[in-house]
PDB file of N, CA and C in Angstrom:
ATOM      1  N   MET A   1      86.228 116.536 183.065  1.00  0.00           N
ATOM      2  CA  MET A   1      87.497 115.844 183.043  1.00  0.00           C
ATOM      3  C   MET A   1      88.556 116.677 183.767  1.00  0.00           C
ATOM      4  N   ALA A   2      88.604 117.954 183.466  1.00  0.00           N
ATOM      5  CA  ALA A   2      89.618 118.811 184.083  1.00  0.00           C
ATOM      6  C   ALA A   2      89.479 118.840 185.601  1.00  0.00           C
ATOM      7  N   LYS A   3      88.250 118.921 186.078  1.00  0.00           N
ATOM      8  CA  LYS A   3      88.049 118.934 187.525  1.00  0.00           C
ATOM      9  C   LYS A   3      88.509 117.618 188.142  1.00  0.00           C
ATOM     10  N   LEU A   4      88.226 116.505 187.463  1.00  0.00           N
ATOM     11  CA  LEU A   4      88.662 115.206 187.969  1.00  0.00           C
ATOM     12  C   LEU A   4      90.186 115.120 188.018  1.00  0.00           C
ATOM     13  N   MET A   5      90.842 115.841 187.107  1.00  0.00           N
ATOM     14  CA  MET A   5      92.301 115.845 187.060  1.00  0.00           C
ATOM     15  C   MET A   5      92.890 116.948 187.947  1.00  0.00           C
ATOM     16  N   ARG A   6      92.015 117.584 188.704  1.00  0.00           N
ATOM     17  CA  ARG A   6      92.402 118.654 189.629  1.00  0.00           C
ATOM     18  C   ARG A   6      93.051 119.840 188.922  1.00  0.00           C
ATOM     19  N   MET A   7      92.505 120.150 187.740  1.00  0.00           N
ATOM     20  CA  MET A   7      92.995 121.296 186.974  1.00  0.00           C
ATOM     21  C   MET A   7      92.059 122.479 187.201  1.00  0.00           C
ATOM     22  N   ALA A   8      92.585 123.674 187.124  1.00  0.00           N
ATOM     23  CA  ALA A   8      91.770 124.874 187.284  1.00  0.00           C
ATOM     24  C   ALA A   8      90.815 125.011 186.106  1.00  0.00           C
ATOM     25  N   VAL A   9      89.573 125.342 186.401  1.00  0.00           N
ATOM     26  CA  VAL A   9      88.557 125.537 185.368  1.00  0.00           C
ATOM     27  C   VAL A   9      88.013 126.948 185.553  1.00  0.00           C
ATOM     28  N   LYS A  10      88.547 127.890 184.777  1.00  0.00           N
ATOM     29  CA  LYS A  10      88.155 129.288 184.933  1.00  0.00           C
ATOM     30  C   LYS A  10      86.767 129.557 184.367  1.00  0.00           C
ATOM     31  N   ASN A  11      86.479 128.999 183.188  1.00  0.00           N
ATOM     32  CA  ASN A  11      85.180 129.225 182.566  1.00  0.00           C
ATOM     33  C   ASN A  11      84.713 127.924 181.914  1.00  0.00           C
ATOM     34  N   PRO A  12      83.974 127.095 182.642  1.00  0.00           N
ATOM     35  CA  PRO A  12      83.569 125.784 182.128  1.00  0.00           C
ATOM     36  C   PRO A  12      82.781 125.846 180.816  1.00  0.00           C
ATOM     37  N   ALA A  13      82.093 126.939 180.553  1.00  0.00           N
ATOM     38  CA  ALA A  13      81.319 127.067 179.321  1.00  0.00           C
ATOM     39  C   ALA A  13      82.217 127.051 178.086  1.00  0.00           C
ATOM     40  N   ASN A  14      83.483 127.434 178.253  1.00  0.00           N
ATOM     41  CA  ASN A  14      84.414 127.460 177.123  1.00  0.00           C
ATOM     42  C   ASN A  14      85.158 126.141 176.943  1.00  0.00           C
ATOM     43  N   GLY A  15      84.941 125.217 177.844  1.00  0.00           N
ATOM     44  CA  GLY A  15      85.672 123.956 177.777  1.00  0.00           C
ATOM     45  C   GLY A  15      87.065 124.135 178.350  1.00  0.00           C
ATOM     46  N   VAL A  16      87.737 123.015 178.569  1.00  0.00           N
ATOM     47  CA  VAL A  16      89.058 123.053 179.177  1.00  0.00           C
ATOM     48  C   VAL A  16      89.960 122.069 178.456  1.00  0.00           C
ATOM     49  N   TYR A  17      91.127 122.532 178.105  1.00  0.00           N
ATOM     50  CA  TYR A  17      92.145 121.682 177.492  1.00  0.00           C
ATOM     51  C   TYR A  17      92.720 120.789 178.581  1.00  0.00           C
ATOM     52  N   THR A  18      92.749 119.483 178.329  1.00  0.00           N
ATOM     53  CA  THR A  18      93.369 118.543 179.262  1.00  0.00           C
ATOM     54  C   THR A  18      94.259 117.603 178.454  1.00  0.00           C
ATOM     55  N   PRO A  19      95.113 116.844 179.110  1.00  0.00           N
ATOM     56  CA  PRO A  19      95.916 115.865 178.375  1.00  0.00           C
ATOM     57  C   PRO A  19      95.064 114.810 177.665  1.00  0.00           C
ATOM     58  N   ILE A  20      93.843 114.602 178.117  1.00  0.00           N
ATOM     59  CA  ILE A  20      92.970 113.605 177.491  1.00  0.00           C
ATOM     60  C   ILE A  20      92.053 114.257 176.457  1.00  0.00           C
ATOM     61  N   ASN A  21      91.451 115.376 176.793  1.00  0.00           N
ATOM     62  CA  ASN A  21      90.600 116.116 175.857  1.00  0.00           C
ATOM     63  C   ASN A  21      91.398 117.294 175.320  1.00  0.00           C
ATOM     64  N   ASN A  22      92.321 116.988 174.430  1.00  0.00           N
ATOM     65  CA  ASN A  22      93.203 118.017 173.893  1.00  0.00           C
ATOM     66  C   ASN A  22      92.778 118.410 172.477  1.00  0.00           C
ATOM     67  N   CYS A  23      93.568 119.232 171.814  1.00  0.00           N
ATOM     68  CA  CYS A  23      93.213 119.704 170.480  1.00  0.00           C
ATOM     69  C   CYS A  23      93.161 118.558 169.474  1.00  0.00           C
ATOM     70  N   THR A  24      93.973 117.537 169.648  1.00  0.00           N
ATOM     71  CA  THR A  24      93.948 116.390 168.744  1.00  0.00           C
ATOM     72  C   THR A  24      92.651 115.622 168.902  1.00  0.00           C
ATOM     73  N   TRP A  25      92.194 115.450 170.115  1.00  0.00           N
ATOM     74  CA  TRP A  25      90.911 114.781 170.347  1.00  0.00           C
ATOM     75  C   TRP A  25      89.801 115.552 169.651  1.00  0.00           C
ATOM     76  N   PHE A  26      89.781 116.871 169.837  1.00  0.00           N
ATOM     77  CA  PHE A  26      88.752 117.703 169.220  1.00  0.00           C
ATOM     78  C   PHE A  26      88.811 117.611 167.698  1.00  0.00           C
ATOM     79  N   ALA A  27      90.001 117.766 167.123  1.00  0.00           N
ATOM     80  CA  ALA A  27      90.156 117.743 165.660  1.00  0.00           C
ATOM     81  C   ALA A  27      89.770 116.390 165.074  1.00  0.00           C
ATOM     82  N   GLY A  28      90.241 115.311 165.682  1.00  0.00           N
ATOM     83  CA  GLY A  28      89.923 113.971 165.177  1.00  0.00           C
ATOM     84  C   GLY A  28      88.454 113.649 165.289  1.00  0.00           C
ATOM     85  N   TYR A  29      87.879 113.966 166.428  1.00  0.00           N
ATOM     86  CA  TYR A  29      86.452 113.708 166.643  1.00  0.00           C
ATOM     87  C   TYR A  29      85.602 114.526 165.673  1.00  0.00           C
ATOM     88  N   LEU A  30      85.947 115.792 165.511  1.00  0.00           N
ATOM     89  CA  LEU A  30      85.201 116.666 164.604  1.00  0.00           C
ATOM     90  C   LEU A  30      85.340 116.187 163.160  1.00  0.00           C
ATOM     91  N   TRP A  31      86.546 115.855 162.732  1.00  0.00           N
ATOM     92  CA  TRP A  31      86.778 115.366 161.369  1.00  0.00           C
ATOM     93  C   TRP A  31      85.921 114.138 161.094  1.00  0.00           C
ATOM     94  N   ASN A  32      85.977 113.178 161.984  1.00  0.00           N
ATOM     95  CA  ASN A  32      85.209 111.953 161.790  1.00  0.00           C
ATOM     96  C   ASN A  32      83.706 112.217 161.772  1.00  0.00           C
ATOM     97  N   SER A  33      83.241 113.138 162.585  1.00  0.00           N
ATOM     98  CA  SER A  33      81.819 113.467 162.628  1.00  0.00           C
ATOM     99  C   SER A  33      81.347 114.144 161.350  1.00  0.00           C
ATOM    100  N   ILE A  34      82.152 115.056 160.833  1.00  0.00           N
ATOM    101  CA  ILE A  34      81.759 115.819 159.642  1.00  0.00           C
ATOM    102  C   ILE A  34      81.905 114.997 158.371  1.00  0.00           C
ATOM    103  N   THR A  35      82.988 114.237 158.256  1.00  0.00           N
ATOM    104  CA  THR A  35      83.276 113.521 157.007  1.00  0.00           C
ATOM    105  C   THR A  35      82.747 112.086 157.001  1.00  0.00           C
ATOM    106  N   ASN A  36      82.299 111.614 158.137  1.00  0.00           N
ATOM    107  CA  ASN A  36      81.846 110.231 158.287  1.00  0.00           C
ATOM    108  C   ASN A  36      82.984 109.246 158.008  1.00  0.00           C
ATOM    109  N   GLU A  37      84.219 109.693 158.191  1.00  0.00           N
ATOM    110  CA  GLU A  37      85.397 108.831 158.070  1.00  0.00           C
ATOM    111  C   GLU A  37      85.768 108.344 159.460  1.00  0.00           C
ATOM    112  N   GLN A  38      86.740 107.496 159.522  1.00  0.00           N
ATOM    113  CA  GLN A  38      87.191 106.988 160.810  1.00  0.00           C
ATOM    114  C   GLN A  38      88.707 107.117 160.924  1.00  0.00           C
ATOM    115  N   LEU A  39      89.171 108.373 160.945  1.00  0.00           N
ATOM    116  CA  LEU A  39      90.594 108.612 161.148  1.00  0.00           C
ATOM    117  C   LEU A  39      91.000 108.074 162.517  1.00  0.00           C
ATOM    118  N   ILE A  40      92.168 107.509 162.582  1.00  0.00           N
ATOM    119  CA  ILE A  40      92.705 107.056 163.866  1.00  0.00           C
ATOM    120  C   ILE A  40      93.480 108.229 164.458  1.00  0.00           C
ATOM    121  N   TYR A  41      93.050 108.692 165.602  1.00  0.00           N
ATOM    122  CA  TYR A  41      93.720 109.816 166.247  1.00  0.00           C
ATOM    123  C   TYR A  41      94.060 109.517 167.711  1.00  0.00           C
ATOM    124  N   GLU A  42      93.853 108.281 168.118  1.00  0.00           N
ATOM    125  CA  GLU A  42      94.149 107.901 169.488  1.00  0.00           C
ATOM    126  C   GLU A  42      95.132 106.730 169.505  1.00  0.00           C
ATOM    127  N   GLN A  43      95.840 106.611 170.589  1.00  0.00           N
ATOM    128  CA  GLN A  43      96.699 105.453 170.792  1.00  0.00           C
ATOM    129  C   GLN A  43      96.328 104.802 172.122  1.00  0.00           C
ATOM    130  N   ASP A  44      96.737 103.559 172.279  1.00  0.00           N
ATOM    131  CA  ASP A  44      96.448 102.847 173.518  1.00  0.00           C
ATOM    132  C   ASP A  44      97.089 103.561 174.703  1.00  0.00           C
ATOM    133  N   PHE A  45      96.396 103.532 175.824  1.00  0.00           N
ATOM    134  CA  PHE A  45      96.852 104.203 177.041  1.00  0.00           C
ATOM    135  C   PHE A  45      96.389 103.367 178.231  1.00  0.00           C
ATOM    136  N   ASN A  46      97.294 102.931 179.056  1.00  0.00           N
ATOM    137  CA  ASN A  46      96.948 102.137 180.228  1.00  0.00           C
ATOM    138  C   ASN A  46      96.649 103.080 181.389  1.00  0.00           C
ATOM    139  N   GLY A  47      95.420 103.571 181.411  1.00  0.00           N
ATOM    140  CA  GLY A  47      95.026 104.532 182.429  1.00  0.00           C
ATOM    141  C   GLY A  47      95.127 104.017 183.844  1.00  0.00           C
ATOM    142  N   ALA A  48      94.957 102.710 184.033  1.00  0.00           N
ATOM    143  CA  ALA A  48      95.017 102.145 185.381  1.00  0.00           C
ATOM    144  C   ALA A  48      96.382 102.379 186.021  1.00  0.00           C
ATOM    145  N   VAL A  49      97.430 102.281 185.237  1.00  0.00           N
ATOM    146  CA  VAL A  49      98.779 102.515 185.762  1.00  0.00           C
ATOM    147  C   VAL A  49      98.918 103.957 186.260  1.00  0.00           C
ATOM    148  N   TYR A  50      98.428 104.897 185.466  1.00  0.00           N
ATOM    149  CA  TYR A  50      98.564 106.305 185.827  1.00  0.00           C
ATOM    150  C   TYR A  50      97.571 106.720 186.905  1.00  0.00           C
ATOM    151  N   ALA A  51      96.429 106.055 186.966  1.00  0.00           N
ATOM    152  CA  ALA A  51      95.451 106.363 188.012  1.00  0.00           C
ATOM    153  C   ALA A  51      96.086 106.196 189.383  1.00  0.00           C
ATOM    154  N   GLU A  52      96.773 105.116 189.551  1.00  0.00           N
ATOM    155  CA  GLU A  52      97.418 104.851 190.840  1.00  0.00           C
ATOM    156  C   GLU A  52      98.605 105.793 191.066  1.00  0.00           C
ATOM    157  N   LYS A  53      99.419 105.953 190.023  1.00  0.00           N
ATOM    158  CA  LYS A  53     100.614 106.803 190.124  1.00  0.00           C
ATOM    159  C   LYS A  53     100.268 108.245 190.460  1.00  0.00           C
ATOM    160  N   TRP A  54      99.250 108.763 189.774  1.00  0.00           N
ATOM    161  CA  TRP A  54      98.888 110.170 189.904  1.00  0.00           C
ATOM    162  C   TRP A  54      97.759 110.422 190.896  1.00  0.00           C
ATOM    163  N   GLY A  55      97.167 109.349 191.421  1.00  0.00           N
ATOM    164  CA  GLY A  55      96.079 109.510 192.387  1.00  0.00           C
ATOM    165  C   GLY A  55      94.801 110.040 191.768  1.00  0.00           C
ATOM    166  N   ILE A  56      94.550 109.702 190.495  1.00  0.00           N
ATOM    167  CA  ILE A  56      93.332 110.145 189.806  1.00  0.00           C
ATOM    168  C   ILE A  56      92.559 108.886 189.406  1.00  0.00           C
ATOM    169  N   ASP A  57      91.640 108.476 190.262  1.00  0.00           N
ATOM    170  CA  ASP A  57      90.926 107.214 190.060  1.00  0.00           C
ATOM    171  C   ASP A  57      90.272 107.102 188.688  1.00  0.00           C
ATOM    172  N   TYR A  58      89.730 108.195 188.187  1.00  0.00           N
ATOM    173  CA  TYR A  58      89.008 108.170 186.913  1.00  0.00           C
ATOM    174  C   TYR A  58      89.874 107.659 185.756  1.00  0.00           C
ATOM    175  N   LEU A  59      91.160 107.889 185.808  1.00  0.00           N
ATOM    176  CA  LEU A  59      92.042 107.461 184.727  1.00  0.00           C
ATOM    177  C   LEU A  59      92.014 105.955 184.510  1.00  0.00           C
ATOM    178  N   ALA A  60      91.617 105.203 185.506  1.00  0.00           N
ATOM    179  CA  ALA A  60      91.541 103.744 185.363  1.00  0.00           C
ATOM    180  C   ALA A  60      90.557 103.352 184.262  1.00  0.00           C
ATOM    181  N   LEU A  61      89.644 104.232 183.915  1.00  0.00           N
ATOM    182  CA  LEU A  61      88.652 103.963 182.870  1.00  0.00           C
ATOM    183  C   LEU A  61      89.148 104.320 181.471  1.00  0.00           C
ATOM    184  N   ILE A  62      90.275 105.002 181.380  1.00  0.00           N
ATOM    185  CA  ILE A  62      90.781 105.486 180.100  1.00  0.00           C
ATOM    186  C   ILE A  62      91.683 104.426 179.460  1.00  0.00           C
ATOM    187  N   SER A  63      91.348 104.052 178.216  1.00  0.00           N
ATOM    188  CA  SER A  63      92.152 103.045 177.515  1.00  0.00           C
ATOM    189  C   SER A  63      92.795 103.589 176.245  1.00  0.00           C
ATOM    190  N   LYS A  64      92.384 104.795 175.836  1.00  0.00           N
ATOM    191  CA  LYS A  64      92.967 105.434 174.660  1.00  0.00           C
ATOM    192  C   LYS A  64      93.135 106.914 174.944  1.00  0.00           C
ATOM    193  N   ILE A  65      94.136 107.512 174.290  1.00  0.00           N
ATOM    194  CA  ILE A  65      94.379 108.947 174.471  1.00  0.00           C
ATOM    195  C   ILE A  65      94.742 109.554 173.120  1.00  0.00           C
ATOM    196  N   ALA A  66      94.213 110.730 172.847  1.00  0.00           N
ATOM    197  CA  ALA A  66      94.458 111.404 171.569  1.00  0.00           C
ATOM    198  C   ALA A  66      95.939 111.767 171.447  1.00  0.00           C
ATOM    199  N   ASP A  67      96.469 111.566 170.241  1.00  0.00           N
ATOM    200  CA  ASP A  67      97.895 111.783 169.997  1.00  0.00           C
ATOM    201  C   ASP A  67      98.069 112.499 168.659  1.00  0.00           C
ATOM    202  N   PRO A  68      98.722 113.674 168.639  1.00  0.00           N
ATOM    203  CA  PRO A  68      98.910 114.416 167.390  1.00  0.00           C
ATOM    204  C   PRO A  68      99.593 113.592 166.297  1.00  0.00           C
ATOM    205  N   GLY A  69     100.552 112.763 166.663  1.00  0.00           N
ATOM    206  CA  GLY A  69     101.254 111.942 165.669  1.00  0.00           C
ATOM    207  C   GLY A  69     100.329 110.949 164.989  1.00  0.00           C
ATOM    208  N   MET A  70      99.414 110.368 165.747  1.00  0.00           N
ATOM    209  CA  MET A  70      98.456 109.414 165.179  1.00  0.00           C
ATOM    210  C   MET A  70      97.534 110.119 164.186  1.00  0.00           C
ATOM    211  N   LEU A  71      97.088 111.312 164.540  1.00  0.00           N
ATOM    212  CA  LEU A  71      96.213 112.072 163.652  1.00  0.00           C
ATOM    213  C   LEU A  71      96.953 112.469 162.382  1.00  0.00           C
ATOM    214  N   ALA A  72      98.180 112.944 162.516  1.00  0.00           N
ATOM    215  CA  ALA A  72      98.970 113.344 161.345  1.00  0.00           C
ATOM    216  C   ALA A  72      99.192 112.164 160.407  1.00  0.00           C
ATOM    217  N   GLU A  73      99.492 111.016 160.960  1.00  0.00           N
ATOM    218  CA  GLU A  73      99.710 109.820 160.150  1.00  0.00           C
ATOM    219  C   GLU A  73      98.431 109.436 159.399  1.00  0.00           C
ATOM    220  N   SER A  74      97.306 109.482 160.069  1.00  0.00           N
ATOM    221  CA  SER A  74      96.031 109.156 159.426  1.00  0.00           C
ATOM    222  C   SER A  74      95.709 110.143 158.299  1.00  0.00           C
ATOM    223  N   LEU A  75      95.913 111.422 158.573  1.00  0.00           N
ATOM    224  CA  LEU A  75      95.628 112.443 157.554  1.00  0.00           C
ATOM    225  C   LEU A  75      96.543 112.296 156.338  1.00  0.00           C
ATOM    226  N   SER A  76      97.777 111.898 156.572  1.00  0.00           N
ATOM    227  CA  SER A  76      98.725 111.760 155.451  1.00  0.00           C
ATOM    228  C   SER A  76      98.341 110.621 154.516  1.00  0.00           C
ATOM    229  N   LYS A  77      97.530 109.691 154.963  1.00  0.00           N
ATOM    230  CA  LYS A  77      97.116 108.556 154.145  1.00  0.00           C
ATOM    231  C   LYS A  77      95.885 108.841 153.293  1.00  0.00           C
ATOM    232  N   ILE A  78      95.251 109.982 153.532  1.00  0.00           N
ATOM    233  CA  ILE A  78      94.065 110.346 152.745  1.00  0.00           C
ATOM    234  C   ILE A  78      94.506 110.791 151.368  1.00  0.00           C
ATOM    235  N   LYS A  79      93.887 110.229 150.353  1.00  0.00           N
ATOM    236  CA  LYS A  79      94.218 110.602 148.973  1.00  0.00           C
ATOM    237  C   LYS A  79      93.594 111.965 148.665  1.00  0.00           C
ATOM    238  N   GLN A  80      94.376 112.805 148.042  1.00  0.00           N
ATOM    239  CA  GLN A  80      93.857 114.104 147.643  1.00  0.00           C
ATOM    240  C   GLN A  80      93.069 113.967 146.357  1.00  0.00           C
ATOM    241  N   ILE A  81      91.983 114.706 146.294  1.00  0.00           N
ATOM    242  CA  ILE A  81      91.156 114.705 145.069  1.00  0.00           C
ATOM    243  C   ILE A  81      91.581 115.885 144.215  1.00  0.00           C
ATOM    244  N   ASP A  82      91.952 115.616 142.977  1.00  0.00           N
ATOM    245  CA  ASP A  82      92.387 116.692 142.077  1.00  0.00           C
ATOM    246  C   ASP A  82      91.219 117.280 141.329  1.00  0.00           C
TER     247      ASP A  82
END
């Protein structure tokens, strides 16, 4: 993803933070995988608009993007077990 976005990739084995694959994406995806829950951590994103604007064709395929606010809202709705 980072290479497609023309971002520097110093060590691909360590992964690369991008606006699409950010810490919220990682946290939400990991949470859902481990807990078998379905937290909402993404919001709608019209990638086609930005693909043309930014000259990154791949973005036309993106319809959702991870958002810290969405993840926080989902986590706040989880009932705590006493």
